[in-house]
PDB file of all heavy atoms in Angstrom:
ATOM      1  N   ILE A   1      -5.100  -6.383  -2.077  1.00  0.00           N
ATOM      2  CA  ILE A   1      -5.515  -5.243  -2.897  1.00  0.00           C
ATOM      3  C   ILE A   1      -5.353  -5.649  -4.364  1.00  0.00           C
ATOM      4  O   ILE A   1      -4.463  -6.454  -4.698  1.00  0.00           O
ATOM      5  CB  ILE A   1      -4.680  -3.988  -2.566  1.00  0.00           C
ATOM      6  CG1 ILE A   1      -5.211  -2.758  -3.315  1.00  0.00           C
ATOM      7  CG2 ILE A   1      -3.207  -4.205  -2.891  1.00  0.00           C
ATOM      8  CD1 ILE A   1      -4.577  -1.439  -2.840  1.00  0.00           C
ATOM      9  N   GLY A   2      -6.197  -5.115  -5.218  1.00  0.00           N
ATOM     10  CA  GLY A   2      -6.058  -5.390  -6.640  1.00  0.00           C
ATOM     11  C   GLY A   2      -4.713  -4.902  -7.156  1.00  0.00           C
ATOM     12  O   GLY A   2      -4.315  -3.761  -6.887  1.00  0.00           O
ATOM     13  N   LYS A   3      -4.011  -5.759  -7.877  1.00  0.00           N
ATOM     14  CA  LYS A   3      -2.681  -5.410  -8.392  1.00  0.00           C
ATOM     15  C   LYS A   3      -2.759  -4.190  -9.306  1.00  0.00           C
ATOM     16  O   LYS A   3      -1.944  -3.262  -9.194  1.00  0.00           O
ATOM     17  CB  LYS A   3      -2.108  -6.611  -9.145  1.00  0.00           C
ATOM     18  CG  LYS A   3      -0.702  -6.429  -9.687  1.00  0.00           C
ATOM     19  CD  LYS A   3      -0.227  -7.715 -10.359  1.00  0.00           C
ATOM     20  CE  LYS A   3       1.110  -7.553 -11.055  1.00  0.00           C
ATOM     21  NZ  LYS A   3       2.215  -7.405 -10.093  1.00  0.00           N
ATOM     22  N   ARG A   4      -3.765  -4.150 -10.185  1.00  0.00           N
ATOM     23  CA  ARG A   4      -3.893  -2.993 -11.086  1.00  0.00           C
ATOM     24  C   ARG A   4      -4.158  -1.715 -10.306  1.00  0.00           C
ATOM     25  O   ARG A   4      -3.634  -0.655 -10.653  1.00  0.00           O
ATOM     26  CB  ARG A   4      -5.018  -3.244 -12.101  1.00  0.00           C
ATOM     27  CG  ARG A   4      -4.634  -4.192 -13.232  1.00  0.00           C
ATOM     28  CD  ARG A   4      -5.772  -4.402 -14.194  1.00  0.00           C
ATOM     29  NE  ARG A   4      -6.930  -5.036 -13.537  1.00  0.00           N
ATOM     30  CZ  ARG A   4      -8.086  -5.290 -14.118  1.00  0.00           C
ATOM     31  NH1 ARG A   4      -8.275  -4.951 -15.390  1.00  0.00           N
ATOM     32  NH2 ARG A   4      -9.063  -5.876 -13.471  1.00  0.00           N
ATOM     33  N   LYS A   5      -4.973  -1.818  -9.263  1.00  0.00           N
ATOM     34  CA  LYS A   5      -5.276  -0.623  -8.469  1.00  0.00           C
ATOM     35  C   LYS A   5      -4.022  -0.111  -7.766  1.00  0.00           C
ATOM     36  O   LYS A   5      -3.714   1.085  -7.810  1.00  0.00           O
ATOM     37  CB  LYS A   5      -6.362  -0.944  -7.437  1.00  0.00           C
ATOM     38  CG  LYS A   5      -6.788   0.253  -6.603  1.00  0.00           C
ATOM     39  CD  LYS A   5      -7.440   1.322  -7.478  1.00  0.00           C
ATOM     40  CE  LYS A   5      -8.027   2.438  -6.646  1.00  0.00           C
ATOM     41  NZ  LYS A   5      -9.368   2.816  -7.094  1.00  0.00           N
ATOM     42  N   LEU A   6      -3.294  -1.019  -7.143  1.00  0.00           N
ATOM     43  CA  LEU A   6      -2.088  -0.605  -6.428  1.00  0.00           C
ATOM     44  C   LEU A   6      -1.097   0.036  -7.397  1.00  0.00           C
ATOM     45  O   LEU A   6      -0.526   1.097  -7.103  1.00  0.00           O
ATOM     46  CB  LEU A   6      -1.447  -1.811  -5.740  1.00  0.00           C
ATOM     47  CG  LEU A   6      -0.202  -1.524  -4.900  1.00  0.00           C
ATOM     48  CD1 LEU A   6      -0.525  -0.608  -3.723  1.00  0.00           C
ATOM     49  CD2 LEU A   6       0.436  -2.820  -4.410  1.00  0.00           C
ATOM     50  N   GLU A   7      -0.916  -0.590  -8.551  1.00  0.00           N
ATOM     51  CA  GLU A   7       0.088  -0.083  -9.489  1.00  0.00           C
ATOM     52  C   GLU A   7      -0.377   1.165 -10.232  1.00  0.00           C
ATOM     53  O   GLU A   7       0.435   1.816 -10.901  1.00  0.00           O
ATOM     54  CB  GLU A   7       0.464  -1.195 -10.471  1.00  0.00           C
ATOM     55  CG  GLU A   7       1.229  -2.330  -9.785  1.00  0.00           C
ATOM     56  CD  GLU A   7       1.602  -3.461 -10.718  1.00  0.00           C
ATOM     57  OE1 GLU A   7       1.117  -3.471 -11.875  1.00  0.00           O
ATOM     58  OE2 GLU A   7       2.381  -4.341 -10.291  1.00  0.00           O
ATOM     59  N   SER A   8      -1.667   1.513 -10.091  1.00  0.00           N
ATOM     60  CA  SER A   8      -2.145   2.762 -10.690  1.00  0.00           C
ATOM     61  C   SER A   8      -1.723   3.981  -9.874  1.00  0.00           C
ATOM     62  O   SER A   8      -1.807   5.109 -10.357  1.00  0.00           O
ATOM     63  CB  SER A   8      -3.676   2.741 -10.808  1.00  0.00           C
ATOM     64  OG  SER A   8      -4.297   2.914  -9.534  1.00  0.00           O
ATOM     65  N   MET A   9      -1.256   3.739  -8.658  1.00  0.00           N
ATOM     66  CA  MET A   9      -0.830   4.832  -7.782  1.00  0.00           C
ATOM     67  C   MET A   9       0.648   5.132  -7.982  1.00  0.00           C
ATOM     68  O   MET A   9       1.431   4.238  -8.311  1.00  0.00           O
ATOM     69  CB  MET A   9      -1.048   4.455  -6.309  1.00  0.00           C
ATOM     70  CG  MET A   9      -2.465   4.136  -5.933  1.00  0.00           C
ATOM     71  SD  MET A   9      -2.551   3.689  -4.172  1.00  0.00           S
ATOM     72  CE  MET A   9      -4.291   3.297  -4.022  1.00  0.00           C
ATOM     73  N   PRO A  10       1.050   6.375  -7.741  1.00  0.00           N
ATOM     74  CA  PRO A  10       2.491   6.675  -7.787  1.00  0.00           C
ATOM     75  C   PRO A  10       3.229   5.919  -6.682  1.00  0.00           C
ATOM     76  O   PRO A  10       2.627   5.496  -5.686  1.00  0.00           O
ATOM     77  CB  PRO A  10       2.539   8.192  -7.567  1.00  0.00           C
ATOM     78  CG  PRO A  10       1.239   8.554  -6.946  1.00  0.00           C
ATOM     79  CD  PRO A  10       0.240   7.562  -7.427  1.00  0.00           C
ATOM     80  N   ASP A  11       4.537   5.764  -6.865  1.00  0.00           N
ATOM     81  CA  ASP A  11       5.325   4.951  -5.936  1.00  0.00           C
ATOM     82  C   ASP A  11       5.198   5.415  -4.495  1.00  0.00           C
ATOM     83  O   ASP A  11       5.147   4.589  -3.571  1.00  0.00           O
ATOM     84  CB  ASP A  11       6.809   4.975  -6.347  1.00  0.00           C
ATOM     85  CG  ASP A  11       7.064   4.191  -7.631  1.00  0.00           C
ATOM     86  OD1 ASP A  11       6.153   3.450  -8.057  1.00  0.00           O
ATOM     87  OD2 ASP A  11       8.168   4.337  -8.195  1.00  0.00           O
ATOM     88  N   ASN A  12       5.139   6.744  -4.277  1.00  0.00           N
ATOM     89  CA  ASN A  12       5.094   7.215  -2.893  1.00  0.00           C
ATOM     90  C   ASN A  12       3.785   6.824  -2.202  1.00  0.00           C
ATOM     91  O   ASN A  12       3.762   6.513  -1.006  1.00  0.00           O
ATOM     92  CB  ASN A  12       5.317   8.729  -2.822  1.00  0.00           C
ATOM     93  CG  ASN A  12       4.237   9.526  -3.522  1.00  0.00           C
ATOM     94  OD1 ASN A  12       3.709   9.111  -4.561  1.00  0.00           O
ATOM     95  ND2 ASN A  12       3.890  10.686  -2.970  1.00  0.00           N
ATOM     96  N   LEU A  13       2.680   6.794  -2.960  1.00  0.00           N
ATOM     97  CA  LEU A  13       1.409   6.393  -2.359  1.00  0.00           C
ATOM     98  C   LEU A  13       1.326   4.873  -2.202  1.00  0.00           C
ATOM     99  O   LEU A  13       0.718   4.383  -1.243  1.00  0.00           O
ATOM    100  CB  LEU A  13       0.237   6.922  -3.175  1.00  0.00           C
ATOM    101  CG  LEU A  13       0.056   8.449  -3.174  1.00  0.00           C
ATOM    102  CD1 LEU A  13      -1.230   8.829  -3.898  1.00  0.00           C
ATOM    103  CD2 LEU A  13       0.048   9.018  -1.753  1.00  0.00           C
ATOM    104  N   GLN A  14       1.940   4.131  -3.124  1.00  0.00           N
ATOM    105  CA  GLN A  14       2.033   2.683  -2.929  1.00  0.00           C
ATOM    106  C   GLN A  14       2.779   2.373  -1.632  1.00  0.00           C
ATOM    107  O   GLN A  14       2.399   1.469  -0.876  1.00  0.00           O
ATOM    108  CB  GLN A  14       2.753   2.021  -4.109  1.00  0.00           C
ATOM    109  CG  GLN A  14       1.959   1.997  -5.398  1.00  0.00           C
ATOM    110  CD  GLN A  14       2.654   1.178  -6.473  1.00  0.00           C
ATOM    111  OE1 GLN A  14       3.178   0.097  -6.208  1.00  0.00           O
ATOM    112  NE2 GLN A  14       2.684   1.695  -7.705  1.00  0.00           N
ATOM    113  N   ALA A  15       3.831   3.144  -1.383  1.00  0.00           N
ATOM    114  CA  ALA A  15       4.615   2.945  -0.159  1.00  0.00           C
ATOM    115  C   ALA A  15       3.779   3.241   1.079  1.00  0.00           C
ATOM    116  O   ALA A  15       3.872   2.530   2.094  1.00  0.00           O
ATOM    117  CB  ALA A  15       5.864   3.815  -0.183  1.00  0.00           C
ATOM    118  N   VAL A  16       2.946   4.274   1.020  1.00  0.00           N
ATOM    119  CA  VAL A  16       2.054   4.595   2.142  1.00  0.00           C
ATOM    120  C   VAL A  16       1.131   3.418   2.440  1.00  0.00           C
ATOM    121  O   VAL A  16       0.956   3.012   3.591  1.00  0.00           O
ATOM    122  CB  VAL A  16       1.220   5.862   1.832  1.00  0.00           C
ATOM    123  CG1 VAL A  16       0.057   6.005   2.808  1.00  0.00           C
ATOM    124  CG2 VAL A  16       2.102   7.104   1.885  1.00  0.00           C
ATOM    125  N   VAL A  17       0.541   2.840   1.386  1.00  0.00           N
ATOM    126  CA  VAL A  17      -0.383   1.717   1.557  1.00  0.00           C
ATOM    127  C   VAL A  17       0.340   0.509   2.152  1.00  0.00           C
ATOM    128  O   VAL A  17      -0.147  -0.122   3.098  1.00  0.00           O
ATOM    129  CB  VAL A  17      -1.042   1.353   0.208  1.00  0.00           C
ATOM    130  CG1 VAL A  17      -1.794   0.030   0.300  1.00  0.00           C
ATOM    131  CG2 VAL A  17      -1.973   2.469  -0.244  1.00  0.00           C
ATOM    132  N   ARG A  18       1.523   0.213   1.634  1.00  0.00           N
ATOM    133  CA  ARG A  18       2.258  -0.963   2.118  1.00  0.00           C
ATOM    134  C   ARG A  18       2.726  -0.783   3.564  1.00  0.00           C
ATOM    135  O   ARG A  18       2.644  -1.724   4.376  1.00  0.00           O
ATOM    136  CB  ARG A  18       3.451  -1.249   1.205  1.00  0.00           C
ATOM    137  CG  ARG A  18       3.049  -1.796  -0.174  1.00  0.00           C
ATOM    138  CD  ARG A  18       4.281  -2.161  -0.989  1.00  0.00           C
ATOM    139  NE  ARG A  18       3.986  -2.693  -2.302  1.00  0.00           N
ATOM    140  CZ  ARG A  18       3.686  -3.963  -2.562  1.00  0.00           C
ATOM    141  NH1 ARG A  18       3.636  -4.842  -1.567  1.00  0.00           N
ATOM    142  NH2 ARG A  18       3.441  -4.367  -3.798  1.00  0.00           N
ATOM    143  N   GLU A  19       3.199   0.410   3.896  1.00  0.00           N
ATOM    144  CA  GLU A  19       3.679   0.644   5.269  1.00  0.00           C
ATOM    145  C   GLU A  19       2.518   0.643   6.255  1.00  0.00           C
ATOM    146  O   GLU A  19       2.630   0.121   7.370  1.00  0.00           O
ATOM    147  CB  GLU A  19       4.457   1.956   5.328  1.00  0.00           C
ATOM    148  CG  GLU A  19       5.815   1.871   4.632  1.00  0.00           C
ATOM    149  CD  GLU A  19       6.430   3.233   4.344  1.00  0.00           C
ATOM    150  OE1 GLU A  19       5.961   4.227   4.940  1.00  0.00           O
ATOM    151  OE2 GLU A  19       7.360   3.298   3.518  1.00  0.00           O
ATOM    152  N   ALA A  20       1.379   1.204   5.843  1.00  0.00           N
ATOM    153  CA  ALA A  20       0.204   1.188   6.715  1.00  0.00           C
ATOM    154  C   ALA A  20      -0.286  -0.244   6.918  1.00  0.00           C
ATOM    155  O   ALA A  20      -0.784  -0.604   7.992  1.00  0.00           O
ATOM    156  CB  ALA A  20      -0.912   2.049   6.126  1.00  0.00           C
ATOM    157  N   ALA A  21      -0.140  -1.076   5.886  1.00  0.00           N
ATOM    158  CA  ALA A  21      -0.527  -2.478   6.019  1.00  0.00           C
ATOM    159  C   ALA A  21       0.388  -3.210   7.003  1.00  0.00           C
ATOM    160  O   ALA A  21      -0.079  -4.030   7.808  1.00  0.00           O
ATOM    161  CB  ALA A  21      -0.497  -3.162   4.661  1.00  0.00           C
ATOM    162  N   ASP A  22       1.681  -2.911   6.963  1.00  0.00           N
ATOM    163  CA  ASP A  22       2.605  -3.499   7.939  1.00  0.00           C
ATOM    164  C   ASP A  22       2.189  -3.114   9.356  1.00  0.00           C
ATOM    165  O   ASP A  22       2.196  -3.945  10.270  1.00  0.00           O
ATOM    166  CB  ASP A  22       4.038  -3.020   7.681  1.00  0.00           C
ATOM    167  CG  ASP A  22       4.642  -3.631   6.425  1.00  0.00           C
ATOM    168  OD1 ASP A  22       4.108  -4.658   5.943  1.00  0.00           O
ATOM    169  OD2 ASP A  22       5.649  -3.077   5.928  1.00  0.00           O
ATOM    170  N   ASN A  23       1.819  -1.854   9.540  1.00  0.00           N
ATOM    171  CA  ASN A  23       1.393  -1.397  10.865  1.00  0.00           C
ATOM    172  C   ASN A  23       0.052  -2.008  11.255  1.00  0.00           C
ATOM    173  O   ASN A  23      -0.201  -2.276  12.433  1.00  0.00           O
ATOM    174  CB  ASN A  23       1.315   0.131  10.898  1.00  0.00           C
ATOM    175  CG  ASN A  23       2.679   0.784  10.785  1.00  0.00           C
ATOM    176  OD1 ASN A  23       3.692   0.186  11.170  1.00  0.00           O
ATOM    177  ND2 ASN A  23       2.744   1.987  10.249  1.00  0.00           N
ATOM    178  N   MET A  24      -0.814  -2.216  10.252  1.00  0.00           N
ATOM    179  CA  MET A  24      -2.094  -2.874  10.517  1.00  0.00           C
ATOM    180  C   MET A  24      -1.861  -4.281  11.063  1.00  0.00           C
ATOM    181  O   MET A  24      -2.589  -4.749  11.943  1.00  0.00           O
ATOM    182  CB  MET A  24      -2.934  -2.911   9.232  1.00  0.00           C
ATOM    183  CG  MET A  24      -4.226  -3.686   9.362  1.00  0.00           C
ATOM    184  SD  MET A  24      -5.381  -3.480   7.962  1.00  0.00           S
ATOM    185  CE  MET A  24      -4.338  -3.830   6.548  1.00  0.00           C
ATOM    186  N   HIS A  25      -0.851  -4.969  10.539  1.00  0.00           N
ATOM    187  CA  HIS A  25      -0.515  -6.299  11.035  1.00  0.00           C
ATOM    188  C   HIS A  25      -0.184  -6.254  12.520  1.00  0.00           C
ATOM    189  O   HIS A  25      -0.676  -7.077  13.304  1.00  0.00           O
ATOM    190  CB  HIS A  25       0.680  -6.861  10.252  1.00  0.00           C
ATOM    191  CG  HIS A  25       1.196  -8.164  10.785  1.00  0.00           C
ATOM    192  ND1 HIS A  25       0.650  -9.374  10.446  1.00  0.00           N
ATOM    193  CD2 HIS A  25       2.199  -8.437  11.663  1.00  0.00           C
ATOM    194  CE1 HIS A  25       1.291 -10.339  11.089  1.00  0.00           C
ATOM    195  NE2 HIS A  25       2.240  -9.791  11.827  1.00  0.00           N
ATOM    196  N   GLU A  26       0.634  -5.293  12.908  1.00  0.00           N
ATOM    197  CA  GLU A  26       1.016  -5.172  14.319  1.00  0.00           C
ATOM    198  C   GLU A  26      -0.201  -4.844  15.184  1.00  0.00           C
ATOM    199  O   GLU A  26      -0.370  -5.408  16.275  1.00  0.00           O
ATOM    200  CB  GLU A  26       2.100  -4.102  14.486  1.00  0.00           C
ATOM    201  CG  GLU A  26       3.390  -4.390  13.735  1.00  0.00           C
ATOM    202  CD  GLU A  26       3.994  -5.733  14.110  1.00  0.00           C
ATOM    203  OE1 GLU A  26       3.964  -6.084  15.314  1.00  0.00           O
ATOM    204  OE2 GLU A  26       4.490  -6.434  13.209  1.00  0.00           O
ATOM    205  N   THR A  27      -1.037  -3.923  14.705  1.00  0.00           N
ATOM    206  CA  THR A  27      -2.260  -3.570  15.440  1.00  0.00           C
ATOM    207  C   THR A  27      -3.135  -4.797  15.615  1.00  0.00           C
ATOM    208  O   THR A  27      -3.650  -5.081  16.706  1.00  0.00           O
ATOM    209  CB  THR A  27      -3.053  -2.489  14.675  1.00  0.00           C
ATOM    210  OG1 THR A  27      -2.253  -1.313  14.572  1.00  0.00           O
ATOM    211  CG2 THR A  27      -4.367  -2.158  15.376  1.00  0.00           C
TER     212      THR A  27
END
């Protein structure tokens, strides 16, 4: 993901994206 795009989000939404990505790895 673009670093600027990710960091444009509040911390709680960044966490959602990162945790969903971890789960995507398992899937």
